[in-house]
Amino acid sequence: MYAVLVILALSSRIPRSLYDKKTWQLASIIALYGIALELLQKFSYLGRTFEFLDIIANISGVLVGIIIFDPLSKILKL
């Protein structure tokens, strides 16, 4: 899910490069969003539970999105 979120966010930026500062700022914001959701689950009483491995999975999804964005954007001509 976070990989798709990163790909959609990066595809909306023109010009875009994996090596510029804005790309990594955008990826950091999305990763922080995932961390914030996990922390909200920890402190809410809605039947959801906090899992540290979910944070790792969210950050991994962000990194996968960054890695596959460049080849995918060339194939799909984004």
C-alpha atoms as a PDB file:
ATOM      1  CA  MET A   1       0.000   0.000   0.000  1.00  0.00           C
ATOM      2  CA  TYR A   2       2.767   2.449   0.874  1.00  0.00           C
ATOM      3  CA  ALA A   3       4.661   1.580  -2.300  1.00  0.00           C
ATOM      4  CA  VAL A   4       1.590   2.528  -4.342  1.00  0.00           C
ATOM      5  CA  LEU A   5       1.193   5.735  -2.329  1.00  0.00           C
ATOM      6  CA  VAL A   6       4.806   6.708  -3.076  1.00  0.00           C
ATOM      7  CA  ILE A   7       4.462   5.890  -6.782  1.00  0.00           C
ATOM      8  CA  LEU A   8       1.304   7.993  -7.051  1.00  0.00           C
ATOM      9  CA  ALA A   9       2.872  10.883  -5.150  1.00  0.00           C
ATOM     10  CA  LEU A  10       6.074  10.810  -7.209  1.00  0.00           C
ATOM     11  CA  SER A  11       4.185  10.571 -10.496  1.00  0.00           C
ATOM     12  CA  SER A  12       2.405  13.833  -9.682  1.00  0.00           C
ATOM     13  CA  ARG A  13       5.719  15.729  -9.425  1.00  0.00           C
ATOM     14  CA  ILE A  14       7.297  17.255 -12.516  1.00  0.00           C
ATOM     15  CA  PRO A  15      10.256  17.160 -12.927  1.00  0.00           C
ATOM     16  CA  ARG A  16      11.020  14.181 -10.773  1.00  0.00           C
ATOM     17  CA  SER A  17      14.240  12.457  -9.956  1.00  0.00           C
ATOM     18  CA  LEU A  18      15.032   9.792  -7.410  1.00  0.00           C
ATOM     19  CA  TYR A  19      18.095  11.709  -6.398  1.00  0.00           C
ATOM     20  CA  ASP A  20      16.642  15.094  -5.587  1.00  0.00           C
ATOM     21  CA  LYS A  21      15.853  16.357  -2.117  1.00  0.00           C
ATOM     22  CA  LYS A  22      12.098  16.690  -2.724  1.00  0.00           C
ATOM     23  CA  THR A  23      11.729  12.998  -3.548  1.00  0.00           C
ATOM     24  CA  TRP A  24      13.238  11.970  -0.240  1.00  0.00           C
ATOM     25  CA  GLN A  25      11.221  14.596   1.645  1.00  0.00           C
ATOM     26  CA  LEU A  26       8.044  13.218   0.105  1.00  0.00           C
ATOM     27  CA  ALA A  27       9.044   9.646   0.967  1.00  0.00           C
ATOM     28  CA  SER A  28       9.852  10.715   4.541  1.00  0.00           C
ATOM     29  CA  ILE A  29       6.440  12.348   4.944  1.00  0.00           C
ATOM     30  CA  ILE A  30       4.720   9.172   3.752  1.00  0.00           C
ATOM     31  CA  ALA A  31       6.841   7.026   6.103  1.00  0.00           C
ATOM     32  CA  LEU A  32       6.037   9.372   9.006  1.00  0.00           C
ATOM     33  CA  TYR A  33       2.361   9.050   8.110  1.00  0.00           C
ATOM     34  CA  GLY A  34       2.646   5.269   8.519  1.00  0.00           C
ATOM     35  CA  ILE A  35       4.452   5.649  11.836  1.00  0.00           C
ATOM     36  CA  ALA A  36       1.831   8.121  13.067  1.00  0.00           C
ATOM     37  CA  LEU A  37      -0.963   5.693  12.196  1.00  0.00           C
ATOM     38  CA  GLU A  38       0.734   2.949  14.192  1.00  0.00           C
ATOM     39  CA  LEU A  39       1.196   5.256  17.166  1.00  0.00           C
ATOM     40  CA  LEU A  40      -2.465   6.269  16.985  1.00  0.00           C
ATOM     41  CA  GLN A  41      -3.372   2.594  17.102  1.00  0.00           C
ATOM     42  CA  LYS A  42      -1.259   2.214  20.223  1.00  0.00           C
ATOM     43  CA  PHE A  43      -3.012   5.006  22.073  1.00  0.00           C
ATOM     44  CA  SER A  44      -6.553   4.513  20.784  1.00  0.00           C
ATOM     45  CA  TYR A  45      -9.082   2.135  22.216  1.00  0.00           C
ATOM     46  CA  LEU A  46     -10.713   1.100  18.964  1.00  0.00           C
ATOM     47  CA  GLY A  47      -9.637  -2.525  19.060  1.00  0.00           C
ATOM     48  CA  ARG A  48      -6.522  -1.890  16.962  1.00  0.00           C
ATOM     49  CA  THR A  49      -3.088  -2.866  18.240  1.00  0.00           C
ATOM     50  CA  PHE A  50       0.369  -1.393  17.806  1.00  0.00           C
ATOM     51  CA  GLU A  51       2.889  -3.540  15.947  1.00  0.00           C
ATOM     52  CA  PHE A  52       6.515  -2.505  15.495  1.00  0.00           C
ATOM     53  CA  LEU A  53       6.774  -4.846  12.504  1.00  0.00           C
ATOM     54  CA  ASP A  54       3.997  -2.865  10.809  1.00  0.00           C
ATOM     55  CA  ILE A  55       6.216   0.221  11.022  1.00  0.00           C
ATOM     56  CA  ILE A  56       9.037  -1.733   9.389  1.00  0.00           C
ATOM     57  CA  ALA A  57       6.626  -2.966   6.700  1.00  0.00           C
ATOM     58  CA  ASN A  58       5.386   0.587   6.034  1.00  0.00           C
ATOM     59  CA  ILE A  59       8.918   1.933   5.664  1.00  0.00           C
ATOM     60  CA  SER A  60       9.845  -1.034   3.462  1.00  0.00           C
ATOM     61  CA  GLY A  61       6.858  -0.263   1.257  1.00  0.00           C
ATOM     62  CA  VAL A  62       8.028   3.334   0.893  1.00  0.00           C
ATOM     63  CA  LEU A  63      11.502   2.150  -0.114  1.00  0.00           C
ATOM     64  CA  VAL A  64      10.091  -0.375  -2.591  1.00  0.00           C
ATOM     65  CA  GLY A  65       7.975   2.381  -4.114  1.00  0.00           C
ATOM     66  CA  ILE A  66      11.039   4.565  -4.580  1.00  0.00           C
ATOM     67  CA  ILE A  67      13.060   1.714  -6.078  1.00  0.00           C
ATOM     68  CA  ILE A  68      10.437   0.608  -8.597  1.00  0.00           C
ATOM     69  CA  PHE A  69       9.220   4.104  -9.515  1.00  0.00           C
ATOM     70  CA  ASP A  70      11.996   4.911 -11.982  1.00  0.00           C
ATOM     71  CA  PRO A  71      11.718   1.750 -14.139  1.00  0.00           C
ATOM     72  CA  LEU A  72       7.923   1.768 -13.860  1.00  0.00           C
ATOM     73  CA  SER A  73       7.675   5.415 -14.935  1.00  0.00           C
ATOM     74  CA  LYS A  74       9.789   4.649 -18.021  1.00  0.00           C
ATOM     75  CA  ILE A  75       7.630   1.662 -18.956  1.00  0.00           C
ATOM     76  CA  LEU A  76       4.336   3.481 -18.382  1.00  0.00           C
ATOM     77  CA  LYS A  77       5.671   6.852 -19.570  1.00  0.00           C
ATOM     78  CA  LEU A  78       4.511   8.647 -16.414  1.00  0.00           C
END
